[in-house]
C-alpha atoms as a PDB file:
ATOM      1  CA  MET A   1      58.751 115.088 131.508  1.00  0.00           C
ATOM      2  CA  THR A   2      57.529 118.645 131.709  1.00  0.00           C
ATOM      3  CA  ARG A   3      56.202 120.451 128.674  1.00  0.00           C
ATOM      4  CA  ALA A   4      59.113 122.951 128.669  1.00  0.00           C
ATOM      5  CA  ARG A   5      61.681 120.143 128.778  1.00  0.00           C
ATOM      6  CA  LEU A   6      59.901 118.313 125.957  1.00  0.00           C
ATOM      7  CA  ILE A   7      59.958 121.442 123.794  1.00  0.00           C
ATOM      8  CA  ILE A   8      63.692 121.976 124.486  1.00  0.00           C
ATOM      9  CA  VAL A   9      64.527 118.371 123.552  1.00  0.00           C
ATOM     10  CA  HIS A  10      62.531 118.606 120.318  1.00  0.00           C
ATOM     11  CA  LEU A  11      64.189 121.924 119.422  1.00  0.00           C
ATOM     12  CA  LEU A  12      67.645 120.381 119.988  1.00  0.00           C
ATOM     13  CA  ILE A  13      66.787 117.396 117.789  1.00  0.00           C
ATOM     14  CA  PHE A  14      65.422 119.714 115.103  1.00  0.00           C
ATOM     15  CA  GLY A  15      68.565 121.894 115.314  1.00  0.00           C
ATOM     16  CA  VAL A  16      70.876 118.916 114.825  1.00  0.00           C
ATOM     17  CA  ILE A  17      68.881 117.624 111.851  1.00  0.00           C
ATOM     18  CA  ALA A  18      68.650 121.118 110.306  1.00  0.00           C
ATOM     19  CA  GLY A  19      72.397 121.681 110.750  1.00  0.00           C
ATOM     20  CA  HIS A  20      73.256 118.398 109.031  1.00  0.00           C
ATOM     21  CA  ALA A  21      70.764 119.041 106.232  1.00  0.00           C
ATOM     22  CA  TYR A  22      72.190 122.518 105.603  1.00  0.00           C
ATOM     23  CA  ASP A  23      75.775 121.213 105.357  1.00  0.00           C
ATOM     24  CA  ILE A  24      74.744 118.338 103.099  1.00  0.00           C
ATOM     25  CA  VAL A  25      72.771 120.558 100.719  1.00  0.00           C
ATOM     26  CA  THR A  26      75.408 123.329 100.555  1.00  0.00           C
ATOM     27  CA  ARG A  27      78.372 120.915 100.610  1.00  0.00           C
ATOM     28  CA  GLN A  28      80.006 122.921 103.363  1.00  0.00           C
ATOM     29  CA  GLU A  29      81.539 121.788 106.616  1.00  0.00           C
ATOM     30  CA  HIS A  30      80.588 123.329 109.934  1.00  0.00           C
ATOM     31  CA  TRP A  31      81.520 121.178 112.887  1.00  0.00           C
ATOM     32  CA  PRO A  32      79.686 119.112 114.102  1.00  0.00           C
ATOM     33  CA  PHE A  33      77.368 119.174 111.089  1.00  0.00           C
ATOM     34  CA  SER A  34      79.896 118.013 108.493  1.00  0.00           C
ATOM     35  CA  ASN A  35      78.928 115.675 105.678  1.00  0.00           C
ATOM     36  CA  TYR A  36      82.425 114.142 106.041  1.00  0.00           C
ATOM     37  CA  PRO A  37      83.462 114.302 102.355  1.00  0.00           C
ATOM     38  CA  MET A  38      86.686 112.404 103.046  1.00  0.00           C
ATOM     39  CA  PHE A  39      84.578 109.328 103.698  1.00  0.00           C
ATOM     40  CA  SER A  40      81.824 109.971 101.157  1.00  0.00           C
ATOM     41  CA  THR A  41      83.426 108.342  98.114  1.00  0.00           C
ATOM     42  CA  VAL A  42      84.596 104.836  97.377  1.00  0.00           C
ATOM     43  CA  HIS A  43      88.054 104.580  95.816  1.00  0.00           C
ATOM     44  CA  ARG A  44      88.275 101.436  93.720  1.00  0.00           C
ATOM     45  CA  SER A  45      91.756 102.017  92.317  1.00  0.00           C
ATOM     46  CA  ARG A  46      94.602 100.101  93.943  1.00  0.00           C
ATOM     47  CA  VAL A  47      97.065 102.832  92.896  1.00  0.00           C
ATOM     48  CA  LEU A  48      97.728 106.011  94.856  1.00  0.00           C
ATOM     49  CA  SER A  49      98.926 108.983  92.816  1.00  0.00           C
ATOM     50  CA  TRP A  50     100.531 111.877  94.704  1.00  0.00           C
ATOM     51  CA  PHE A  51     102.739 114.884  94.016  1.00  0.00           C
ATOM     52  CA  ARG A  52     106.094 114.716  95.790  1.00  0.00           C
ATOM     53  CA  LEU A  53     109.147 116.950  95.849  1.00  0.00           C
ATOM     54  CA  TYR A  54     112.611 115.415  95.501  1.00  0.00           C
ATOM     55  CA  GLY A  55     115.821 117.310  96.063  1.00  0.00           C
ATOM     56  CA  VAL A  56     119.070 116.627  94.244  1.00  0.00           C
ATOM     57  CA  THR A  57     122.131 116.910  96.478  1.00  0.00           C
ATOM     58  CA  ASP A  58     125.654 117.985  95.517  1.00  0.00           C
ATOM     59  CA  ASP A  59     126.668 114.327  95.084  1.00  0.00           C
ATOM     60  CA  ASN A  60     123.745 113.818  92.645  1.00  0.00           C
ATOM     61  CA  ARG A  61     121.591 111.810  95.089  1.00  0.00           C
ATOM     62  CA  GLU A  62     117.846 112.310  94.833  1.00  0.00           C
ATOM     63  CA  VAL A  63     116.117 112.508  98.223  1.00  0.00           C
ATOM     64  CA  PRO A  64     112.390 112.904  98.974  1.00  0.00           C
ATOM     65  CA  ILE A  65     111.517 116.189 100.662  1.00  0.00           C
ATOM     66  CA  VAL A  66     108.776 115.160 103.072  1.00  0.00           C
ATOM     67  CA  LYS A  67     109.716 116.305 106.592  1.00  0.00           C
ATOM     68  CA  TYR A  68     107.643 119.122 108.040  1.00  0.00           C
ATOM     69  CA  ALA A  69     110.792 121.118 108.837  1.00  0.00           C
ATOM     70  CA  TYR A  70     111.794 120.969 105.146  1.00  0.00           C
ATOM     71  CA  LEU A  71     108.415 122.140 103.822  1.00  0.00           C
ATOM     72  CA  TRP A  72     107.436 124.598 106.546  1.00  0.00           C
ATOM     73  CA  PRO A  73     104.970 126.341 106.755  1.00  0.00           C
ATOM     74  CA  LEU A  74     103.213 123.656 104.707  1.00  0.00           C
ATOM     75  CA  ASP A  75     103.484 119.899 105.128  1.00  0.00           C
ATOM     76  CA  GLN A  76     103.459 116.732 103.023  1.00  0.00           C
ATOM     77  CA  SER A  77      99.665 116.637 102.982  1.00  0.00           C
ATOM     78  CA  ARG A  78      98.899 120.293 102.155  1.00  0.00           C
ATOM     79  CA  LEU A  79     101.681 121.238  99.740  1.00  0.00           C
ATOM     80  CA  PRO A  80     100.942 118.464  97.195  1.00  0.00           C
ATOM     81  CA  LEU A  81      97.249 119.365  97.231  1.00  0.00           C
ATOM     82  CA  GLY A  82      98.063 122.971  96.347  1.00  0.00           C
ATOM     83  CA  LEU A  83     100.571 121.941  93.686  1.00  0.00           C
ATOM     84  CA  ARG A  84      98.050 119.515  92.183  1.00  0.00           C
ATOM     85  CA  ARG A  85      95.403 122.249  92.043  1.00  0.00           C
ATOM     86  CA  VAL A  86      97.755 124.589  90.167  1.00  0.00           C
ATOM     87  CA  TYR A  87      98.840 121.759  87.830  1.00  0.00           C
ATOM     88  CA  ARG A  88      95.230 120.886  86.976  1.00  0.00           C
ATOM     89  CA  ARG A  89      94.469 124.516  86.144  1.00  0.00           C
ATOM     90  CA  GLU A  90      97.452 125.384  83.963  1.00  0.00           C
ATOM     91  CA  GLY A  91      99.751 122.367  83.573  1.00  0.00           C
ATOM     92  CA  ASN A  92     103.383 122.943  84.432  1.00  0.00           C
ATOM     93  CA  GLY A  93     103.152 126.641  83.692  1.00  0.00           C
ATOM     94  CA  PRO A  94     104.847 129.545  85.430  1.00  0.00           C
ATOM     95  CA  ARG A  95     102.804 129.400  88.653  1.00  0.00           C
ATOM     96  CA  LEU A  96     103.751 125.776  89.289  1.00  0.00           C
ATOM     97  CA  ARG A  97     107.416 126.495  88.561  1.00  0.00           C
ATOM     98  CA  GLU A  98     107.298 129.520  90.870  1.00  0.00           C
ATOM     99  CA  ALA A  99     105.793 127.408  93.652  1.00  0.00           C
ATOM    100  CA  VAL A 100     108.543 124.781  93.356  1.00  0.00           C
ATOM    101  CA  ALA A 101     111.213 127.496  93.183  1.00  0.00           C
ATOM    102  CA  ASP A 102     109.747 129.105  96.298  1.00  0.00           C
ATOM    103  CA  ALA A 103     109.848 125.750  98.113  1.00  0.00           C
ATOM    104  CA  LEU A 104     113.546 125.412  97.208  1.00  0.00           C
ATOM    105  CA  VAL A 105     114.358 128.940  98.404  1.00  0.00           C
ATOM    106  CA  ARG A 106     112.484 128.407 101.684  1.00  0.00           C
ATOM    107  CA  TYR A 107     114.187 125.021 102.171  1.00  0.00           C
ATOM    108  CA  GLU A 108     117.664 126.508 101.710  1.00  0.00           C
ATOM    109  CA  HIS A 109     116.987 129.579 103.883  1.00  0.00           C
ATOM    110  CA  ARG A 110     115.752 127.350 106.711  1.00  0.00           C
ATOM    111  CA  ARG A 111     118.720 124.976 106.286  1.00  0.00           C
ATOM    112  CA  GLU A 112     121.220 127.851 106.406  1.00  0.00           C
ATOM    113  CA  ALA A 113     119.479 129.205 109.524  1.00  0.00           C
ATOM    114  CA  GLY A 114     119.874 125.808 111.215  1.00  0.00           C
ATOM    115  CA  LEU A 115     116.131 125.142 111.362  1.00  0.00           C
ATOM    116  CA  HIS A 116     116.530 121.672 109.844  1.00  0.00           C
ATOM    117  CA  ASP A 117     119.340 119.222 109.193  1.00  0.00           C
ATOM    118  CA  GLY A 118     118.587 118.440 105.546  1.00  0.00           C
ATOM    119  CA  PRO A 119     121.289 118.271 102.896  1.00  0.00           C
ATOM    120  CA  HIS A 120     122.211 121.182 100.634  1.00  0.00           C
ATOM    121  CA  LEU A 121     120.095 120.959  97.475  1.00  0.00           C
ATOM    122  CA  ARG A 122     121.211 122.119  94.060  1.00  0.00           C
ATOM    123  CA  THR A 123     117.937 121.140  92.344  1.00  0.00           C
ATOM    124  CA  LEU A 124     114.335 120.556  93.387  1.00  0.00           C
ATOM    125  CA  ARG A 125     112.093 118.332  91.260  1.00  0.00           C
ATOM    126  CA  LEU A 126     108.346 117.851  91.374  1.00  0.00           C
ATOM    127  CA  TYR A 127     107.142 114.382  90.418  1.00  0.00           C
ATOM    128  CA  GLN A 128     103.771 112.760  90.147  1.00  0.00           C
ATOM    129  CA  VAL A 129     104.455 109.491  91.955  1.00  0.00           C
ATOM    130  CA  ASP A 130     102.286 106.347  91.847  1.00  0.00           C
ATOM    131  CA  TRP A 131     102.281 103.555  94.412  1.00  0.00           C
ATOM    132  CA  GLN A 132     100.510 100.216  94.437  1.00  0.00           C
ATOM    133  CA  LEU A 133      98.489 100.242  97.662  1.00  0.00           C
ATOM    134  CA  GLU A 134      99.894  97.811 100.206  1.00  0.00           C
ATOM    135  CA  PRO A 135      99.075  97.290 103.885  1.00  0.00           C
ATOM    136  CA  TYR A 136     100.960  99.641 106.217  1.00  0.00           C
ATOM    137  CA  ALA A 137     102.523 101.400 103.191  1.00  0.00           C
ATOM    138  CA  ALA A 138     105.267  98.767 103.131  1.00  0.00           C
ATOM    139  CA  ASN A 139     106.347  99.980  99.680  1.00  0.00           C
ATOM    140  CA  ILE A 140     106.573 103.705 100.529  1.00  0.00           C
ATOM    141  CA  ASP A 141     110.112 103.886  99.116  1.00  0.00           C
ATOM    142  CA  GLN A 142     109.317 101.851  95.969  1.00  0.00           C
ATOM    143  CA  PRO A 143     106.818 103.707  93.768  1.00  0.00           C
ATOM    144  CA  ILE A 144     105.674 101.916  90.626  1.00  0.00           C
ATOM    145  CA  ASP A 145     105.930 105.052  88.485  1.00  0.00           C
ATOM    146  CA  ARG A 146     107.279 108.627  88.617  1.00  0.00           C
ATOM    147  CA  GLU A 147     106.654 111.395  86.124  1.00  0.00           C
ATOM    148  CA  LEU A 148     108.834 114.508  86.272  1.00  0.00           C
ATOM    149  CA  LEU A 149     106.668 117.634  86.070  1.00  0.00           C
ATOM    150  CA  VAL A 150     108.968 120.519  87.032  1.00  0.00           C
ATOM    151  CA  GLU A 151     112.663 120.923  87.789  1.00  0.00           C
ATOM    152  CA  VAL A 152     114.137 124.017  89.447  1.00  0.00           C
ATOM    153  CA  GLN A 153     117.861 124.622  89.943  1.00  0.00           C
ATOM    154  CA  ALA A 154     119.141 126.784  92.776  1.00  0.00           C
ATOM    155  CA  GLY A 155     120.210 130.231  91.639  1.00  0.00           C
ATOM    156  CA  GLN A 156     119.131 129.705  88.039  1.00  0.00           C
ATOM    157  CA  GLU A 157     116.070 130.435  85.980  1.00  0.00           C
ATOM    158  CA  VAL A 158     113.165 128.098  86.608  1.00  0.00           C
ATOM    159  CA  GLN A 159     112.799 125.355  83.958  1.00  0.00           C
ATOM    160  CA  ALA A 160     109.865 123.121  83.057  1.00  0.00           C
ATOM    161  CA  ALA A 161     110.375 119.411  82.466  1.00  0.00           C
ATOM    162  CA  ARG A 162     108.100 118.103  79.615  1.00  0.00           C
END
């Protein structure tokens, strides 16, 4: 191997190591030098706790609001993370109620425009839902616990649950 090629190879190796070290020390993610935080912790709990929106239809049925078309421009993975962050900061205060009310307004506007086939909702509720972890999420429709955090009725003032 020529001297120039050897220097280039060593510089590449050094660059990869330096990039990984920088991301690890600063706890940032720059592809391909990520420290992969999703895989950096061990979860020992057998219970998954997640925020989930449920709509109440005109016939008083409660349905989970999880389809992307219902939650657009967010989705079932991003919206609960944002709601959880607001809840941790200020409890079920005005910002959390406003976020749920906004989700209800967006849902109904998109339904009326024919952008999804969901039912008309008269109320939107935010729950903290807990599931016992099972293979293949076989119990996705049978949570072990639900705690109502916020309830918003269409066309009315936003109300907190608790």
